[in-house]
Amino acid sequence: MAGKRHHIIPRFLQKGFASQIDGETISTWQYRKNTDAPKEISTKDTIVSEHFYGKGELNADDLITELERTKLSPLIDSIRQGKCDFASRTGDIAELIAHLSIRSKLVRKGFEKLSHQFLDGMKDIFDDPTTVDGMLKAAPASFIEEQFDNVLSDPKYVPQLDGALAILETMGLTKDDLKSLATGMVQHHLQNPEMRKEAVDQVTNVLGTVFDLPQNTVSKSIKEGHIKSLIANLAPRPRVEVFESFTWSVKTLDFSLILGDAPCLFRTEESDELLPSCEPKKAVAVYLPISSNQLLVGVLNLRVFEDSPSNLNDSIARCSYEQFIATVSSRELAYLISSIGANAHLASESEIDSEIDEIRQNINDLVYGEHPEA
């Protein structure tokens, strides 16, 4: 993966879906979203993005390449060749799944989508002056005291406070005295509708700016955060520990399997369909295509599942963000192009709306409910 063109799905995994191999050139059939037919191209050009894992100082590419070369690629080769001792390699397989499940474009773009929807929802809530007015009026003393604590405990943010606090202390006025006095003044101020209106205008303007971030700003922030998390840990230990408790095996299939750009599929007890991502502790089965006729399967506590879930290729296409690859070109697989992206998200629209509605309800409870003073 060295260079500026980073493979989001490693080439050692794509190799299992080769349509032909000519020396070092490995080709595969690429099925892309919003196209009419597949195209046979080199794996050098499939599921790839420029500087996806960063460049310069902020760069996870070299770390990923080393992990692939020293551990993940040899592991996949041994599984394909039937030489893997699953009992002794459970930890390595868990690391493979943990890594692949956090490095995809679906993960990054999914967080972008969640961020935009959350910001839009919060902006909608705090655009309402009545809501903000009610929040300020209902603000308990403990909340106001906390804000003063934040300022008084760190005077370096307001240098003039150093001298002012020293003078007040010589007069016998402690920080607690000052906080109590200021809290009472602020509460009195916020109970006056006319005086509160000025604060409402300021708060809505500030929050409007906070929640109305340009799309490229959010995208850049998410990308940097994703890369930093990969640099910190290519396979987060909590994820690895979950998948170490799974029982792993490889299944040979009698049909041509495809590989999506979200390679791991998860089954949970809550969902009837396979998912491209889920909270690790909710997973009860994991499926990873490793070749056109081999499926790596992990199950929790020896629960009984289909060796090959029904309509597996359809699920893979639906969970893919932009594309999937295959060994063959066929009308049957081309038909799946229209399904690409149908289930490629980290959370459903209803789940996101539900979270925002819960925040809205909590705010309404604060504004219109009972509010203890401490």
Protein backbone atom coordinates (compact mmCIF):
# COMPACT_ATOMS: atom_id res chain seq x y z
CA MET A 1 0.00 0.00 0.00
CA ALA A 2 3.08 2.24 -0.09
CA GLY A 3 2.74 5.52 -2.01
CA LYS A 4 -0.16 7.93 -2.27
CA ARG A 5 -2.73 5.39 -3.54
CA HIS A 6 -3.96 3.55 -0.47
CA HIS A 7 -5.97 0.34 -0.74
CA ILE A 8 -8.94 0.52 1.59
CA ILE A 9 -9.34 -3.24 1.23
CA PRO A 10 -5.87 -4.83 1.20
CA ARG A 11 -4.66 -6.41 -2.02
CA PHE A 12 -3.81 -9.67 -0.24
CA LEU A 13 -7.54 -10.06 0.43
CA GLN A 14 -8.54 -8.96 -3.09
CA LYS A 15 -6.18 -11.60 -4.51
CA GLY A 16 -8.66 -14.30 -3.53
CA PHE A 17 -11.10 -12.81 -6.03
CA ALA A 18 -8.74 -12.70 -9.02
CA SER A 19 -10.21 -13.19 -12.47
CA GLN A 20 -6.74 -13.78 -13.88
CA ILE A 21 -3.13 -13.58 -12.76
CA ASP A 22 -0.41 -12.58 -15.22
CA GLY A 23 2.92 -12.49 -13.43
CA GLU A 24 2.59 -9.82 -10.75
CA THR A 25 -0.55 -8.36 -12.33
CA ILE A 26 -3.71 -9.54 -10.62
CA SER A 27 -7.04 -8.63 -12.20
CA THR A 28 -10.57 -8.78 -10.86
CA TRP A 29 -14.08 -7.81 -11.93
CA GLN A 30 -15.11 -4.52 -10.35
CA TYR A 31 -18.81 -3.78 -9.84
CA ARG A 32 -19.28 -0.09 -9.00
CA LYS A 33 -22.34 1.76 -7.77
CA ASN A 34 -24.26 3.69 -10.45
CA THR A 35 -22.73 1.75 -13.37
CA ASP A 36 -24.39 -0.61 -15.82
CA ALA A 37 -21.79 -3.36 -16.03
CA PRO A 38 -18.61 -4.62 -14.34
CA LYS A 39 -15.11 -3.80 -15.51
CA GLU A 40 -12.06 -6.05 -15.34
CA ILE A 41 -9.12 -4.12 -13.90
CA SER A 42 -5.94 -4.64 -11.89
CA THR A 43 -6.28 -4.85 -8.14
CA LYS A 44 -3.84 -1.93 -8.07
CA ASP A 45 -6.83 0.20 -9.06
CA THR A 46 -9.67 -1.39 -7.08
CA ILE A 47 -11.03 -0.15 -3.74
CA VAL A 48 -8.28 2.46 -3.61
CA SER A 49 -8.20 6.14 -2.61
CA GLU A 50 -5.46 8.78 -2.69
CA HIS A 51 -3.87 9.41 0.71
CA PHE A 52 -6.84 7.76 2.43
CA TYR A 53 -4.67 6.89 5.42
CA GLY A 54 -2.88 10.23 5.46
CA LYS A 55 0.44 11.69 4.40
CA GLY A 56 3.40 13.43 5.98
CA GLU A 57 3.40 13.35 9.76
CA LEU A 58 -0.25 12.30 10.00
CA ASN A 59 0.08 8.97 8.20
CA ALA A 60 -1.08 5.48 9.19
CA ASP A 61 -0.15 3.91 5.84
CA ASP A 62 3.27 2.57 6.83
CA LEU A 63 1.92 1.04 10.03
CA ILE A 64 -0.92 -0.65 8.15
CA THR A 65 1.43 -1.96 5.45
CA GLU A 66 3.73 -3.48 8.08
CA LEU A 67 0.82 -5.18 9.87
CA GLU A 68 -0.41 -6.59 6.56
CA ARG A 69 3.03 -7.84 5.53
CA THR A 70 4.06 -9.43 8.81
CA LYS A 71 0.81 -10.86 10.13
CA LEU A 72 -2.45 -10.44 8.22
CA SER A 73 -1.40 -11.54 4.73
CA PRO A 74 0.37 -14.73 5.93
CA LEU A 75 -2.67 -15.49 8.10
CA ILE A 76 -5.10 -15.28 5.17
CA ASP A 77 -2.77 -17.43 3.03
CA SER A 78 -2.70 -20.13 5.70
CA ILE A 79 -6.50 -20.11 6.01
CA ARG A 80 -6.98 -20.36 2.24
CA GLN A 81 -4.50 -23.24 2.03
CA GLY A 82 -6.15 -25.17 4.85
CA LYS A 83 -3.05 -24.90 7.04
CA CYS A 84 -4.46 -22.69 9.78
CA ASP A 85 -4.80 -24.08 13.30
CA PHE A 86 -7.86 -22.05 14.29
CA ALA A 87 -7.54 -22.88 17.99
CA SER A 88 -4.04 -21.42 18.24
CA ARG A 89 -4.63 -18.53 15.81
CA THR A 90 -7.84 -17.18 17.39
CA GLY A 91 -6.04 -14.08 18.63
CA ASP A 92 -4.61 -13.31 15.18
CA ILE A 93 -7.98 -13.81 13.51
CA ALA A 94 -9.61 -11.55 16.09
CA GLU A 95 -6.98 -8.91 15.30
CA LEU A 96 -7.71 -9.27 11.57
CA ILE A 97 -11.45 -8.71 12.08
CA ALA A 98 -10.90 -5.84 14.53
CA HIS A 99 -8.58 -4.12 12.06
CA LEU A 100 -10.68 -4.60 8.92
CA SER A 101 -13.81 -3.42 10.72
CA ILE A 102 -12.36 0.04 11.49
CA ARG A 103 -10.33 0.93 8.37
CA SER A 104 -13.02 1.10 5.66
CA LYS A 105 -14.42 4.10 3.83
CA LEU A 106 -17.86 3.14 5.14
CA VAL A 107 -16.64 3.78 8.69
CA ARG A 108 -15.22 7.21 7.85
CA LYS A 109 -18.12 8.33 5.67
CA GLY A 110 -20.57 6.87 8.15
CA PHE A 111 -19.18 9.08 10.90
CA GLU A 112 -19.37 12.07 8.55
CA LYS A 113 -23.04 11.37 7.92
CA LEU A 114 -23.77 10.89 11.61
CA SER A 115 -21.94 14.13 12.43
CA HIS A 116 -23.85 16.16 9.84
CA GLN A 117 -27.20 14.77 10.93
CA PHE A 118 -26.41 15.37 14.59
CA LEU A 119 -25.26 18.94 13.95
CA ASP A 120 -28.35 19.65 11.84
CA GLY A 121 -30.58 18.24 14.56
CA MET A 122 -28.90 20.25 17.30
CA LYS A 123 -29.00 23.42 15.20
CA ASP A 124 -32.73 22.90 14.71
CA ILE A 125 -33.22 22.56 18.46
CA PHE A 126 -31.19 25.61 19.46
CA ASP A 127 -32.46 27.80 16.63
CA ASP A 128 -35.64 28.15 18.67
CA PRO A 129 -35.30 31.22 20.96
CA THR A 130 -38.12 29.90 23.15
CA THR A 131 -36.14 26.74 23.89
CA VAL A 132 -32.97 28.67 24.71
CA ASP A 133 -34.92 31.16 26.82
CA GLY A 134 -36.45 28.31 28.81
CA MET A 135 -33.06 26.68 29.31
CA LEU A 136 -31.49 29.86 30.63
CA LYS A 137 -34.43 30.56 32.90
CA ALA A 138 -34.38 27.00 34.25
CA ALA A 139 -30.60 26.76 34.67
CA PRO A 140 -30.01 25.43 38.22
CA ALA A 141 -27.50 27.09 40.53
CA SER A 142 -25.26 24.02 40.29
CA PHE A 143 -24.86 24.54 36.53
CA ILE A 144 -23.96 28.22 36.93
CA GLU A 145 -21.53 27.41 39.73
CA GLU A 146 -19.86 24.82 37.53
CA GLN A 147 -19.22 27.44 34.84
CA PHE A 148 -17.61 29.75 37.39
CA ASP A 149 -15.55 26.85 38.73
CA ASN A 150 -14.20 26.26 35.24
CA VAL A 151 -13.10 29.88 34.95
CA LEU A 152 -11.86 30.39 38.50
CA SER A 153 -9.88 27.15 38.57
CA ASP A 154 -7.95 28.07 35.43
CA PRO A 155 -7.19 31.83 35.51
CA LYS A 156 -4.59 31.55 32.73
CA TYR A 157 -7.44 31.85 30.22
CA VAL A 158 -8.24 35.28 31.68
CA PRO A 159 -4.86 36.63 32.89
CA GLN A 160 -6.43 39.59 34.67
CA LEU A 161 -8.10 37.18 37.10
CA ASP A 162 -4.79 36.39 38.78
CA GLY A 163 -4.41 39.91 40.13
CA ALA A 164 -8.10 40.38 40.83
CA LEU A 165 -8.35 37.17 42.86
CA ALA A 166 -5.27 38.10 44.87
CA ILE A 167 -6.75 41.50 45.77
CA LEU A 168 -10.10 39.95 46.75
CA GLU A 169 -8.39 37.39 48.95
CA THR A 170 -6.57 40.16 50.88
CA MET A 171 -10.02 41.63 51.53
CA GLY A 172 -11.19 38.30 52.97
CA LEU A 173 -13.31 37.34 49.96
CA THR A 174 -12.63 33.72 48.96
CA LYS A 175 -13.28 32.07 45.61
CA ASP A 176 -16.33 30.34 47.09
CA ASP A 177 -17.67 33.70 48.28
CA LEU A 178 -17.14 35.17 44.83
CA LYS A 179 -18.78 32.17 43.16
CA SER A 180 -21.82 32.35 45.45
CA LEU A 181 -22.20 36.09 44.87
CA ALA A 182 -21.81 35.79 41.10
CA THR A 183 -24.21 32.84 40.89
CA GLY A 184 -26.91 34.80 42.68
CA MET A 185 -26.41 37.78 40.38
CA VAL A 186 -26.59 35.63 37.24
CA GLN A 187 -29.72 33.83 38.44
CA HIS A 188 -31.37 37.17 39.21
CA HIS A 189 -30.33 38.43 35.77
CA LEU A 190 -31.76 35.34 34.04
CA GLN A 191 -35.13 35.67 35.76
CA ASN A 192 -35.69 39.07 34.14
CA PRO A 193 -37.26 38.50 30.66
CA GLU A 194 -35.77 41.67 29.17
CA MET A 195 -32.29 41.01 30.50
CA ARG A 196 -32.55 37.34 29.51
CA LYS A 197 -33.43 38.23 25.91
CA GLU A 198 -29.95 39.63 25.33
CA ALA A 199 -28.41 36.40 26.62
CA VAL A 200 -30.77 34.35 24.41
CA ASP A 201 -29.66 36.25 21.31
CA GLN A 202 -26.01 35.71 22.17
CA VAL A 203 -26.47 32.00 22.89
CA THR A 204 -28.48 31.28 19.72
CA ASN A 205 -25.89 33.12 17.61
CA VAL A 206 -22.99 31.24 19.19
CA LEU A 207 -24.67 27.83 18.97
CA GLY A 208 -25.82 28.55 15.43
CA THR A 209 -22.18 29.03 14.47
CA VAL A 210 -21.06 25.95 16.41
CA PHE A 211 -23.62 23.64 14.81
CA ASP A 212 -23.48 25.13 11.30
CA LEU A 213 -20.04 23.88 10.31
CA PRO A 214 -19.09 23.69 6.61
CA GLN A 215 -19.20 20.17 5.19
CA ASN A 216 -15.49 20.19 4.31
CA THR A 217 -14.61 21.18 7.88
CA VAL A 218 -16.51 18.20 9.27
CA SER A 219 -15.03 15.86 6.64
CA LYS A 220 -11.48 17.03 7.39
CA SER A 221 -12.00 16.64 11.12
CA ILE A 222 -13.43 13.12 10.75
CA LYS A 223 -10.59 12.09 8.42
CA GLU A 224 -7.93 13.36 10.82
CA GLY A 225 -9.64 11.68 13.74
CA HIS A 226 -9.90 8.39 11.85
CA ILE A 227 -6.23 8.44 10.89
CA LYS A 228 -5.14 9.37 14.42
CA SER A 229 -7.17 6.48 15.86
CA LEU A 230 -5.52 4.06 13.41
CA ILE A 231 -2.06 5.38 14.27
CA ALA A 232 -2.85 4.92 17.96
CA ASN A 233 -4.20 1.40 17.51
CA LEU A 234 -4.62 -0.57 14.28
CA ALA A 235 -6.68 -3.20 16.09
CA PRO A 236 -8.33 -1.82 19.25
CA ARG A 237 -7.85 -4.25 22.11
CA PRO A 238 -11.50 -4.18 23.28
CA ARG A 239 -12.58 -5.31 19.80
CA VAL A 240 -9.91 -7.99 19.67
CA GLU A 241 -11.02 -9.37 23.04
CA VAL A 242 -14.61 -9.70 21.84
CA PHE A 243 -13.66 -11.65 18.73
CA GLU A 244 -11.20 -13.83 20.65
CA SER A 245 -14.25 -15.39 22.30
CA PHE A 246 -15.61 -16.52 18.92
CA THR A 247 -15.14 -19.97 17.39
CA TRP A 248 -13.63 -19.69 13.91
CA SER A 249 -13.80 -21.92 10.83
CA VAL A 250 -13.70 -21.64 7.05
CA LYS A 251 -16.58 -22.78 4.84
CA THR A 252 -16.26 -23.85 1.22
CA LEU A 253 -19.12 -22.56 -0.94
CA ASP A 254 -20.60 -23.88 -4.16
CA PHE A 255 -21.19 -20.46 -5.74
CA SER A 256 -19.01 -17.49 -6.71
CA LEU A 257 -18.67 -15.29 -3.64
CA ILE A 258 -18.06 -11.53 -3.89
CA LEU A 259 -15.98 -9.19 -1.71
CA GLY A 260 -17.40 -5.81 -0.72
CA ASP A 261 -15.57 -2.65 0.27
CA ALA A 262 -16.94 -3.20 3.78
CA PRO A 263 -15.42 -6.69 4.02
CA CYS A 264 -16.74 -7.95 7.37
CA LEU A 265 -20.43 -8.65 7.86
CA PHE A 266 -21.96 -9.02 11.31
CA ARG A 267 -25.02 -10.75 12.66
CA THR A 268 -26.68 -9.52 15.84
CA GLU A 269 -29.59 -10.86 17.85
CA GLU A 270 -31.51 -7.64 17.22
CA SER A 271 -31.29 -7.63 13.40
CA ASP A 272 -32.60 -10.08 10.82
CA GLU A 273 -30.16 -8.79 8.21
CA LEU A 274 -26.38 -8.80 8.09
CA LEU A 275 -24.73 -5.49 8.97
CA PRO A 276 -21.48 -3.86 7.77
CA SER A 277 -20.77 -2.58 11.27
CA CYS A 278 -22.06 -3.03 14.78
CA GLU A 279 -21.03 -2.61 18.39
CA PRO A 280 -18.65 -5.58 18.88
CA LYS A 281 -20.39 -6.82 22.03
CA LYS A 282 -23.66 -7.12 20.10
CA ALA A 283 -22.18 -9.39 17.42
CA VAL A 284 -23.05 -13.09 17.56
CA ALA A 285 -21.56 -14.05 14.19
CA VAL A 286 -19.00 -12.61 11.76
CA TYR A 287 -18.53 -13.41 8.07
CA LEU A 288 -15.48 -12.49 5.98
CA PRO A 289 -15.14 -13.62 2.33
CA ILE A 290 -11.49 -14.62 1.79
CA SER A 291 -11.78 -16.07 -1.73
CA SER A 292 -14.41 -16.65 -4.39
CA ASN A 293 -15.45 -19.92 -2.71
CA GLN A 294 -14.24 -19.55 0.89
CA LEU A 295 -15.95 -17.80 3.78
CA LEU A 296 -14.31 -17.21 7.15
CA VAL A 297 -17.00 -17.63 9.82
CA GLY A 298 -16.87 -16.76 13.50
CA VAL A 299 -19.68 -17.62 15.92
CA LEU A 300 -20.18 -16.78 19.57
CA ASN A 301 -20.59 -19.56 22.14
CA LEU A 302 -21.08 -22.16 19.39
CA ARG A 303 -24.47 -20.73 18.50
CA VAL A 304 -25.94 -22.46 15.47
CA PHE A 305 -26.11 -20.35 12.32
CA GLU A 306 -26.24 -21.12 8.64
CA ASP A 307 -22.75 -21.89 7.36
CA SER A 308 -23.57 -19.58 4.47
CA PRO A 309 -26.40 -17.12 5.17
CA SER A 310 -29.10 -17.06 2.53
CA ASN A 311 -28.65 -14.40 -0.15
CA LEU A 312 -25.10 -13.80 1.08
CA ASN A 313 -23.95 -11.97 -2.06
CA ASP A 314 -26.98 -9.71 -1.89
CA SER A 315 -26.12 -8.84 1.73
CA ILE A 316 -22.51 -8.11 0.76
CA ALA A 317 -23.63 -5.79 -2.05
CA ARG A 318 -26.11 -3.98 0.20
CA CYS A 319 -23.44 -3.46 2.87
CA SER A 320 -20.85 -2.18 0.37
CA TYR A 321 -20.30 1.57 0.30
CA GLU A 322 -19.28 2.02 -3.36
CA GLN A 323 -18.28 -1.28 -4.94
CA PHE A 324 -17.63 -4.98 -4.74
CA ILE A 325 -15.32 -7.29 -6.68
CA ALA A 326 -15.67 -10.82 -8.03
CA THR A 327 -13.81 -13.50 -9.92
CA VAL A 328 -16.44 -13.59 -12.66
CA SER A 329 -18.56 -11.27 -14.74
CA SER A 330 -22.17 -12.37 -14.74
CA ARG A 331 -25.66 -11.01 -15.26
CA GLU A 332 -26.62 -12.27 -11.80
CA LEU A 333 -23.88 -10.24 -10.11
CA ALA A 334 -24.48 -7.21 -12.32
CA TYR A 335 -28.05 -7.23 -11.06
CA LEU A 336 -26.64 -6.60 -7.54
CA ILE A 337 -25.13 -3.25 -8.58
CA SER A 338 -28.45 -1.57 -7.85
CA SER A 339 -28.26 -2.88 -4.26
CA ILE A 340 -24.86 -1.34 -3.49
CA GLY A 341 -25.08 1.03 -0.53
CA ALA A 342 -28.62 0.09 0.50
CA ASN A 343 -27.43 -0.97 3.94
CA ALA A 344 -24.09 0.86 4.03
CA HIS A 345 -24.47 2.93 7.17
CA LEU A 346 -23.41 2.91 10.80
CA ALA A 347 -26.88 3.78 12.06
CA SER A 348 -30.28 4.02 10.45
CA GLU A 349 -32.13 7.30 9.89
CA SER A 350 -34.65 6.30 12.55
CA GLU A 351 -31.89 5.56 15.09
CA ILE A 352 -30.30 8.97 14.52
CA ASP A 353 -33.67 10.73 14.71
CA SER A 354 -34.43 8.83 17.90
CA GLU A 355 -31.20 10.05 19.53
CA ILE A 356 -31.93 13.66 18.56
CA ASP A 357 -35.53 13.34 19.78
CA GLU A 358 -34.22 12.08 23.12
CA ILE A 359 -31.97 15.13 23.43
CA ARG A 360 -34.90 17.36 22.52
CA GLN A 361 -37.07 15.66 25.15
CA ASN A 362 -34.38 16.04 27.82
CA ILE A 363 -34.18 19.75 27.05
CA ASN A 364 -37.96 20.06 27.21
CA ASP A 365 -37.92 18.27 30.57
CA LEU A 366 -35.38 20.81 31.81
CA VAL A 367 -37.40 23.75 30.52
CA TYR A 368 -40.88 22.64 31.50
CA GLY A 369 -40.27 20.13 34.29
CA GLU A 370 -39.14 20.46 37.86
CA HIS A 371 -35.61 21.77 38.30
CA PRO A 372 -33.78 21.27 41.56
CA GLU A 373 -31.43 24.06 42.52
CA ALA A 374 -28.46 21.78 43.17
